[in-house]
Amino acid sequence: MCRPKPKLTATPRPSSFWYAADNGGLRPAGLVPGSGQASARLLAGPLRDTTAVGITVEPAGGSAQPTSEPLGITSLGTASGLLIVSE
């Protein structure tokens, strides 16, 4: 699934990855600090009932639930997608 990217500010901000389940539940999967430098991250925690992974822009330190529209969402399944994000 692809959605239009929300307008970003010139100042780098932290981004959070989220595991999404079929029931609509979301749980944190990792934080990208927002340094403005390219970096790679492994998602944190077990997949369990995860059917998709998304990324959002968040306030410093992250948040318990997404506070912005997703920058991207990729479905997981027999043919897993690859989500590439550059700060």
PDB file of N, CA and C in Angstrom:
ATOM      1  N   MET A   1       0.853  -1.156   0.000  1.00  0.00           N
ATOM      2  CA  MET A   1       0.000   0.000   0.000  1.00  0.00           C
ATOM      3  C   MET A   1       0.903   1.224   0.000  1.00  0.00           C
ATOM      4  N   CYS A   2       0.549   2.228  -0.750  1.00  0.00           N
ATOM      5  CA  CYS A   2       1.339   3.449  -0.816  1.00  0.00           C
ATOM      6  C   CYS A   2       0.407   4.631  -0.596  1.00  0.00           C
ATOM      7  N   ARG A   3       0.819   5.529   0.250  1.00  0.00           N
ATOM      8  CA  ARG A   3       0.022   6.726   0.520  1.00  0.00           C
ATOM      9  C   ARG A   3       0.880   7.957   0.256  1.00  0.00           C
ATOM     10  N   PRO A   4       0.265   9.104  -0.042  1.00  0.00           N
ATOM     11  CA  PRO A   4       1.051  10.319  -0.233  1.00  0.00           C
ATOM     12  C   PRO A   4       1.824  10.657   1.035  1.00  0.00           C
ATOM     13  N   LYS A   5       3.045  11.123   0.876  1.00  0.00           N
ATOM     14  CA  LYS A   5       3.886  11.467   2.007  1.00  0.00           C
ATOM     15  C   LYS A   5       3.473  12.829   2.554  1.00  0.00           C
ATOM     16  N   PRO A   6       3.304  12.941   3.899  1.00  0.00           N
ATOM     17  CA  PRO A   6       2.979  14.245   4.458  1.00  0.00           C
ATOM     18  C   PRO A   6       4.140  15.226   4.269  1.00  0.00           C
ATOM     19  N   LYS A   7       3.842  16.511   4.251  1.00  0.00           N
ATOM     20  CA  LYS A   7       4.876  17.522   4.097  1.00  0.00           C
ATOM     21  C   LYS A   7       5.766  17.513   5.339  1.00  0.00           C
ATOM     22  N   LEU A   8       7.077  17.452   5.125  1.00  0.00           N
ATOM     23  CA  LEU A   8       8.031  17.437   6.226  1.00  0.00           C
ATOM     24  C   LEU A   8       8.665  18.807   6.382  1.00  0.00           C
ATOM     25  N   THR A   9       9.137  19.091   7.582  1.00  0.00           N
ATOM     26  CA  THR A   9       9.821  20.347   7.839  1.00  0.00           C
ATOM     27  C   THR A   9      11.296  20.195   7.478  1.00  0.00           C
ATOM     28  N   ALA A  10      12.003  21.305   7.378  1.00  0.00           N
ATOM     29  CA  ALA A  10      13.430  21.271   7.066  1.00  0.00           C
ATOM     30  C   ALA A  10      14.243  20.738   8.242  1.00  0.00           C
ATOM     31  N   THR A  11      13.728  20.835   9.449  1.00  0.00           N
ATOM     32  CA  THR A  11      14.416  20.350  10.632  1.00  0.00           C
ATOM     33  C   THR A  11      14.161  18.864  10.809  1.00  0.00           C
ATOM     34  N   PRO A  12      15.231  18.040  10.861  1.00  0.00           N
ATOM     35  CA  PRO A  12      15.021  16.604  11.060  1.00  0.00           C
ATOM     36  C   PRO A  12      14.299  16.316  12.370  1.00  0.00           C
ATOM     37  N   ARG A  13      13.361  15.370  12.331  1.00  0.00           N
ATOM     38  CA  ARG A  13      12.618  14.960  13.523  1.00  0.00           C
ATOM     39  C   ARG A  13      12.684  13.450  13.639  1.00  0.00           C
ATOM     40  N   PRO A  14      12.532  12.926  14.854  1.00  0.00           N
ATOM     41  CA  PRO A  14      12.559  11.473  15.026  1.00  0.00           C
ATOM     42  C   PRO A  14      11.413  10.795  14.268  1.00  0.00           C
ATOM     43  N   SER A  15      11.666   9.575  13.846  1.00  0.00           N
ATOM     44  CA  SER A  15      10.651   8.756  13.194  1.00  0.00           C
ATOM     45  C   SER A  15      10.513   7.465  13.979  1.00  0.00           C
ATOM     46  N   SER A  16       9.307   6.945  14.039  1.00  0.00           N
ATOM     47  CA  SER A  16       9.059   5.684  14.738  1.00  0.00           C
ATOM     48  C   SER A  16       8.513   4.656  13.769  1.00  0.00           C
ATOM     49  N   PHE A  17       8.982   3.416  13.918  1.00  0.00           N
ATOM     50  CA  PHE A  17       8.409   2.287  13.199  1.00  0.00           C
ATOM     51  C   PHE A  17       7.332   1.674  14.072  1.00  0.00           C
ATOM     52  N   TRP A  18       6.286   1.145  13.440  1.00  0.00           N
ATOM     53  CA  TRP A  18       5.155   0.545  14.160  1.00  0.00           C
ATOM     54  C   TRP A  18       4.800  -0.796  13.554  1.00  0.00           C
ATOM     55  N   TYR A  19       4.563  -1.790  14.418  1.00  0.00           N
ATOM     56  CA  TYR A  19       3.993  -3.061  13.980  1.00  0.00           C
ATOM     57  C   TYR A  19       2.477  -2.898  13.996  1.00  0.00           C
ATOM     58  N   ALA A  20       1.804  -3.311  12.947  1.00  0.00           N
ATOM     59  CA  ALA A  20       0.341  -3.236  12.867  1.00  0.00           C
ATOM     60  C   ALA A  20      -0.232  -4.643  12.747  1.00  0.00           C
ATOM     61  N   ALA A  21      -1.316  -4.909  13.482  1.00  0.00           N
ATOM     62  CA  ALA A  21      -2.006  -6.193  13.439  1.00  0.00           C
ATOM     63  C   ALA A  21      -3.324  -6.040  12.689  1.00  0.00           C
ATOM     64  N   ASP A  22      -3.901  -7.156  12.257  1.00  0.00           N
ATOM     65  CA  ASP A  22      -5.192  -7.130  11.556  1.00  0.00           C
ATOM     66  C   ASP A  22      -6.287  -6.466  12.372  1.00  0.00           C
ATOM     67  N   ASN A  23      -6.211  -6.588  13.700  1.00  0.00           N
ATOM     68  CA  ASN A  23      -7.251  -6.016  14.562  1.00  0.00           C
ATOM     69  C   ASN A  23      -7.102  -4.511  14.751  1.00  0.00           C
ATOM     70  N   GLY A  24      -6.103  -3.906  14.083  1.00  0.00           N
ATOM     71  CA  GLY A  24      -5.904  -2.464  14.181  1.00  0.00           C
ATOM     72  C   GLY A  24      -4.929  -2.054  15.261  1.00  0.00           C
ATOM     73  N   GLY A  25      -4.481  -3.015  16.066  1.00  0.00           N
ATOM     74  CA  GLY A  25      -3.539  -2.699  17.134  1.00  0.00           C
ATOM     75  C   GLY A  25      -2.183  -2.287  16.586  1.00  0.00           C
ATOM     76  N   LEU A  26      -1.571  -1.302  17.236  1.00  0.00           N
ATOM     77  CA  LEU A  26      -0.244  -0.827  16.872  1.00  0.00           C
ATOM     78  C   LEU A  26       0.674  -0.942  18.072  1.00  0.00           C
ATOM     79  N   ARG A  27       1.928  -1.327  17.822  1.00  0.00           N
ATOM     80  CA  ARG A  27       2.916  -1.337  18.899  1.00  0.00           C
ATOM     81  C   ARG A  27       4.250  -0.879  18.326  1.00  0.00           C
ATOM     82  N   PRO A  28       5.065  -0.206  19.158  1.00  0.00           N
ATOM     83  CA  PRO A  28       6.337   0.339  18.683  1.00  0.00           C
ATOM     84  C   PRO A  28       7.266  -0.747  18.170  1.00  0.00           C
ATOM     85  N   ALA A  29       8.015  -0.416  17.107  1.00  0.00           N
ATOM     86  CA  ALA A  29       8.971  -1.358  16.524  1.00  0.00           C
ATOM     87  C   ALA A  29      10.366  -0.746  16.406  1.00  0.00           C
ATOM     88  N   GLY A  30      10.550   0.469  16.881  1.00  0.00           N
ATOM     89  CA  GLY A  30      11.867   1.098  16.847  1.00  0.00           C
ATOM     90  C   GLY A  30      11.789   2.582  16.557  1.00  0.00           C
ATOM     91  N   LEU A  31      12.852   3.286  16.903  1.00  0.00           N
ATOM     92  CA  LEU A  31      12.916   4.740  16.760  1.00  0.00           C
ATOM     93  C   LEU A  31      14.152   5.111  15.936  1.00  0.00           C
ATOM     94  N   VAL A  32      13.978   6.019  14.984  1.00  0.00           N
ATOM     95  CA  VAL A  32      15.082   6.594  14.220  1.00  0.00           C
ATOM     96  C   VAL A  32      15.257   7.993  14.797  1.00  0.00           C
ATOM     97  N   PRO A  33      16.442   8.320  15.319  1.00  0.00           N
ATOM     98  CA  PRO A  33      16.589   9.537  16.116  1.00  0.00           C
ATOM     99  C   PRO A  33      16.334  10.869  15.425  1.00  0.00           C
ATOM    100  N   GLY A  34      16.424  10.964  14.123  1.00  0.00           N
ATOM    101  CA  GLY A  34      16.175  12.254  13.464  1.00  0.00           C
ATOM    102  C   GLY A  34      17.396  13.138  13.444  1.00  0.00           C
ATOM    103  N   SER A  35      18.569  12.540  13.296  1.00  0.00           N
ATOM    104  CA  SER A  35      19.817  13.300  13.292  1.00  0.00           C
ATOM    105  C   SER A  35      20.073  13.984  11.957  1.00  0.00           C
ATOM    106  N   GLY A  36      19.347  13.575  10.913  1.00  0.00           N
ATOM    107  CA  GLY A  36      19.593  14.112   9.581  1.00  0.00           C
ATOM    108  C   GLY A  36      20.644  13.319   8.832  1.00  0.00           C
ATOM    109  N   GLN A  37      21.262  12.354   9.495  1.00  0.00           N
ATOM    110  CA  GLN A  37      22.272  11.501   8.885  1.00  0.00           C
ATOM    111  C   GLN A  37      21.648  10.171   8.481  1.00  0.00           C
ATOM    112  N   ALA A  38      22.124   9.586   7.394  1.00  0.00           N
ATOM    113  CA  ALA A  38      21.645   8.271   6.961  1.00  0.00           C
ATOM    114  C   ALA A  38      21.987   7.240   8.025  1.00  0.00           C
ATOM    115  N   SER A  39      21.073   6.310   8.266  1.00  0.00           N
ATOM    116  CA  SER A  39      21.321   5.266   9.250  1.00  0.00           C
ATOM    117  C   SER A  39      20.460   4.054   8.920  1.00  0.00           C
ATOM    118  N   ALA A  40      20.850   2.925   9.465  1.00  0.00           N
ATOM    119  CA  ALA A  40      20.082   1.688   9.294  1.00  0.00           C
ATOM    120  C   ALA A  40      19.582   1.250  10.660  1.00  0.00           C
ATOM    121  N   ARG A  41      18.392   0.673  10.705  1.00  0.00           N
ATOM    122  CA  ARG A  41      17.814   0.212  11.963  1.00  0.00           C
ATOM    123  C   ARG A  41      17.195  -1.157  11.766  1.00  0.00           C
ATOM    124  N   LEU A  42      17.347  -2.011  12.773  1.00  0.00           N
ATOM    125  CA  LEU A  42      16.616  -3.263  12.824  1.00  0.00           C
ATOM    126  C   LEU A  42      15.360  -3.015  13.628  1.00  0.00           C
ATOM    127  N   LEU A  43      14.258  -3.610  13.222  1.00  0.00           N
ATOM    128  CA  LEU A  43      13.021  -3.463  13.987  1.00  0.00           C
ATOM    129  C   LEU A  43      13.160  -4.225  15.295  1.00  0.00           C
ATOM    130  N   ALA A  44      12.608  -3.676  16.365  1.00  0.00           N
ATOM    131  CA  ALA A  44      12.737  -4.245  17.704  1.00  0.00           C
ATOM    132  C   ALA A  44      11.536  -5.109  18.051  1.00  0.00           C
ATOM    133  N   GLY A  45      11.774  -6.259  18.649  1.00  0.00           N
ATOM    134  CA  GLY A  45      10.697  -7.096  19.162  1.00  0.00           C
ATOM    135  C   GLY A  45      10.212  -8.140  18.175  1.00  0.00           C
ATOM    136  N   PRO A  46       9.438  -9.111  18.681  1.00  0.00           N
ATOM    137  CA  PRO A  46       8.924 -10.198  17.833  1.00  0.00           C
ATOM    138  C   PRO A  46       7.784  -9.721  16.930  1.00  0.00           C
ATOM    139  N   LEU A  47       7.638 -10.396  15.785  1.00  0.00           N
ATOM    140  CA  LEU A  47       6.572 -10.043  14.845  1.00  0.00           C
ATOM    141  C   LEU A  47       5.194 -10.450  15.356  1.00  0.00           C
ATOM    142  N   ARG A  48       5.079 -11.578  16.034  1.00  0.00           N
ATOM    143  CA  ARG A  48       3.799 -12.115  16.520  1.00  0.00           C
ATOM    144  C   ARG A  48       2.704 -11.995  15.475  1.00  0.00           C
ATOM    145  N   ASP A  49       1.675 -11.189  15.721  1.00  0.00           N
ATOM    146  CA  ASP A  49       0.515 -11.070  14.828  1.00  0.00           C
ATOM    147  C   ASP A  49       0.642  -9.905  13.842  1.00  0.00           C
ATOM    148  N   THR A  50       1.862  -9.449  13.585  1.00  0.00           N
ATOM    149  CA  THR A  50       2.094  -8.308  12.707  1.00  0.00           C
ATOM    150  C   THR A  50       1.723  -8.640  11.260  1.00  0.00           C
ATOM    151  N   THR A  51       0.955  -7.759  10.650  1.00  0.00           N
ATOM    152  CA  THR A  51       0.599  -7.920   9.241  1.00  0.00           C
ATOM    153  C   THR A  51       1.166  -6.789   8.378  1.00  0.00           C
ATOM    154  N   ALA A  52       1.639  -5.716   9.024  1.00  0.00           N
ATOM    155  CA  ALA A  52       2.222  -4.585   8.299  1.00  0.00           C
ATOM    156  C   ALA A  52       3.162  -3.825   9.219  1.00  0.00           C
ATOM    157  N   VAL A  53       4.058  -3.037   8.612  1.00  0.00           N
ATOM    158  CA  VAL A  53       4.962  -2.166   9.353  1.00  0.00           C
ATOM    159  C   VAL A  53       4.838  -0.777   8.748  1.00  0.00           C
ATOM    160  N   GLY A  54       4.730   0.228   9.611  1.00  0.00           N
ATOM    161  CA  GLY A  54       4.633   1.605   9.145  1.00  0.00           C
ATOM    162  C   GLY A  54       5.669   2.480   9.817  1.00  0.00           C
ATOM    163  N   ILE A  55       5.826   3.695   9.311  1.00  0.00           N
ATOM    164  CA  ILE A  55       6.742   4.663   9.906  1.00  0.00           C
ATOM    165  C   ILE A  55       6.061   6.021   9.955  1.00  0.00           C
ATOM    166  N   THR A  56       6.250   6.724  11.072  1.00  0.00           N
ATOM    167  CA  THR A  56       5.661   8.048  11.262  1.00  0.00           C
ATOM    168  C   THR A  56       6.718   9.007  11.797  1.00  0.00           C
ATOM    169  N   VAL A  57       6.486  10.299  11.649  1.00  0.00           N
ATOM    170  CA  VAL A  57       7.319  11.333  12.258  1.00  0.00           C
ATOM    171  C   VAL A  57       6.746  11.587  13.650  1.00  0.00           C
ATOM    172  N   GLU A  58       7.615  11.628  14.654  1.00  0.00           N
ATOM    173  CA  GLU A  58       7.166  11.758  16.039  1.00  0.00           C
ATOM    174  C   GLU A  58       7.937  12.844  16.775  1.00  0.00           C
ATOM    175  N   PRO A  59       7.431  13.253  17.945  1.00  0.00           N
ATOM    176  CA  PRO A  59       8.172  14.216  18.765  1.00  0.00           C
ATOM    177  C   PRO A  59       9.458  13.587  19.310  1.00  0.00           C
ATOM    178  N   ALA A  60      10.379  14.428  19.776  1.00  0.00           N
ATOM    179  CA  ALA A  60      11.630  13.939  20.368  1.00  0.00           C
ATOM    180  C   ALA A  60      11.329  12.895  21.431  1.00  0.00           C
ATOM    181  N   GLY A  61      12.059  11.788  21.406  1.00  0.00           N
ATOM    182  CA  GLY A  61      11.853  10.716  22.374  1.00  0.00           C
ATOM    183  C   GLY A  61      10.802   9.707  21.970  1.00  0.00           C
ATOM    184  N   GLY A  62      10.113   9.949  20.850  1.00  0.00           N
ATOM    185  CA  GLY A  62       9.081   9.019  20.383  1.00  0.00           C
ATOM    186  C   GLY A  62       7.764   9.214  21.107  1.00  0.00           C
ATOM    187  N   SER A  63       6.848   8.272  20.914  1.00  0.00           N
ATOM    188  CA  SER A  63       5.531   8.343  21.552  1.00  0.00           C
ATOM    189  C   SER A  63       4.978   6.931  21.699  1.00  0.00           C
ATOM    190  N   ALA A  64       3.969   6.788  22.544  1.00  0.00           N
ATOM    191  CA  ALA A  64       3.363   5.479  22.805  1.00  0.00           C
ATOM    192  C   ALA A  64       2.495   5.016  21.632  1.00  0.00           C
ATOM    193  N   GLN A  65       1.916   5.946  20.898  1.00  0.00           N
ATOM    194  CA  GLN A  65       1.087   5.671  19.727  1.00  0.00           C
ATOM    195  C   GLN A  65       1.434   6.699  18.658  1.00  0.00           C
ATOM    196  N   PRO A  66       1.203   6.395  17.381  1.00  0.00           N
ATOM    197  CA  PRO A  66       1.519   7.359  16.321  1.00  0.00           C
ATOM    198  C   PRO A  66       0.793   8.692  16.532  1.00  0.00           C
ATOM    199  N   THR A  67       1.518   9.790  16.257  1.00  0.00           N
ATOM    200  CA  THR A  67       0.927  11.126  16.385  1.00  0.00           C
ATOM    201  C   THR A  67       0.846  11.846  15.043  1.00  0.00           C
ATOM    202  N   SER A  68       1.212  11.142  13.955  1.00  0.00           N
ATOM    203  CA  SER A  68       1.154  11.754  12.625  1.00  0.00           C
ATOM    204  C   SER A  68       0.711  10.706  11.613  1.00  0.00           C
ATOM    205  N   GLU A  69       0.392  11.181  10.416  1.00  0.00           N
ATOM    206  CA  GLU A  69       0.038  10.273   9.328  1.00  0.00           C
ATOM    207  C   GLU A  69       1.277   9.475   8.941  1.00  0.00           C
ATOM    208  N   PRO A  70       1.115   8.226   8.504  1.00  0.00           N
ATOM    209  CA  PRO A  70       2.288   7.423   8.130  1.00  0.00           C
ATOM    210  C   PRO A  70       3.017   7.982   6.908  1.00  0.00           C
ATOM    211  N   LEU A  71       4.356   7.907   6.960  1.00  0.00           N
ATOM    212  CA  LEU A  71       5.181   8.230   5.796  1.00  0.00           C
ATOM    213  C   LEU A  71       5.148   7.066   4.818  1.00  0.00           C
ATOM    214  N   GLY A  72       4.999   5.866   5.359  1.00  0.00           N
ATOM    215  CA  GLY A  72       4.946   4.668   4.529  1.00  0.00           C
ATOM    216  C   GLY A  72       4.440   3.488   5.327  1.00  0.00           C
ATOM    217  N   ILE A  73       3.828   2.557   4.633  1.00  0.00           N
ATOM    218  CA  ILE A  73       3.322   1.317   5.223  1.00  0.00           C
ATOM    219  C   ILE A  73       3.647   0.196   4.249  1.00  0.00           C
ATOM    220  N   THR A  74       4.148  -0.909   4.768  1.00  0.00           N
ATOM    221  CA  THR A  74       4.385  -2.066   3.926  1.00  0.00           C
ATOM    222  C   THR A  74       3.734  -3.287   4.566  1.00  0.00           C
ATOM    223  N   SER A  75       3.020  -4.048   3.758  1.00  0.00           N
ATOM    224  CA  SER A  75       2.364  -5.261   4.232  1.00  0.00           C
ATOM    225  C   SER A  75       3.383  -6.381   4.348  1.00  0.00           C
ATOM    226  N   LEU A  76       3.184  -7.243   5.319  1.00  0.00           N
ATOM    227  CA  LEU A  76       4.012  -8.431   5.485  1.00  0.00           C
ATOM    228  C   LEU A  76       3.183  -9.644   5.107  1.00  0.00           C
ATOM    229  N   GLY A  77       3.810 -10.641   4.577  1.00  0.00           N
ATOM    230  CA  GLY A  77       3.101 -11.847   4.185  1.00  0.00           C
ATOM    231  C   GLY A  77       4.057 -12.777   3.471  1.00  0.00           C
ATOM    232  N   THR A  78       3.527 -13.543   2.546  1.00  0.00           N
ATOM    233  CA  THR A  78       4.381 -14.488   1.838  1.00  0.00           C
ATOM    234  C   THR A  78       5.423 -13.779   0.997  1.00  0.00           C
ATOM    235  N   ALA A  79       5.102 -12.594   0.502  1.00  0.00           N
ATOM    236  CA  ALA A  79       6.070 -11.795  -0.239  1.00  0.00           C
ATOM    237  C   ALA A  79       6.257 -10.480   0.509  1.00  0.00           C
ATOM    238  N   SER A  80       7.141 -10.500   1.495  1.00  0.00           N
ATOM    239  CA  SER A  80       7.345  -9.323   2.336  1.00  0.00           C
ATOM    240  C   SER A  80       7.846  -8.144   1.524  1.00  0.00           C
ATOM    241  N   GLY A  81       7.383  -6.960   1.879  1.00  0.00           N
ATOM    242  CA  GLY A  81       7.846  -5.744   1.227  1.00  0.00           C
ATOM    243  C   GLY A  81       9.103  -5.242   1.900  1.00  0.00           C
ATOM    244  N   LEU A  82       9.742  -4.285   1.292  1.00  0.00           N
ATOM    245  CA  LEU A  82      10.927  -3.661   1.840  1.00  0.00           C
ATOM    246  C   LEU A  82      10.629  -2.177   1.947  1.00  0.00           C
ATOM    247  N   LEU A  83      10.816  -1.625   3.123  1.00  0.00           N
ATOM    248  CA  LEU A  83      10.561  -0.214   3.358  1.00  0.00           C
ATOM    249  C   LEU A  83      11.903   0.448   3.576  1.00  0.00           C
ATOM    250  N   ILE A  84      12.279   1.361   2.711  1.00  0.00           N
ATOM    251  CA  ILE A  84      13.556   2.065   2.822  1.00  0.00           C
ATOM    252  C   ILE A  84      13.253   3.498   3.174  1.00  0.00           C
ATOM    253  N   VAL A  85      13.899   3.984   4.224  1.00  0.00           N
ATOM    254  CA  VAL A  85      13.659   5.336   4.695  1.00  0.00           C
ATOM    255  C   VAL A  85      14.994   6.027   4.823  1.00  0.00           C
ATOM    256  N   SER A  86      15.100   7.232   4.305  1.00  0.00           N
ATOM    257  CA  SER A  86      16.299   8.013   4.530  1.00  0.00           C
ATOM    258  C   SER A  86      15.879   9.283   5.240  1.00  0.00           C
ATOM    259  N   GLU A  87      16.642   9.651   6.241  1.00  0.00           N
ATOM    260  CA  GLU A  87      16.300  10.834   7.041  1.00  0.00           C
ATOM    261  C   GLU A  87      16.573  12.083   6.258  1.00  0.00           C
TER     262      GLU A  87
END
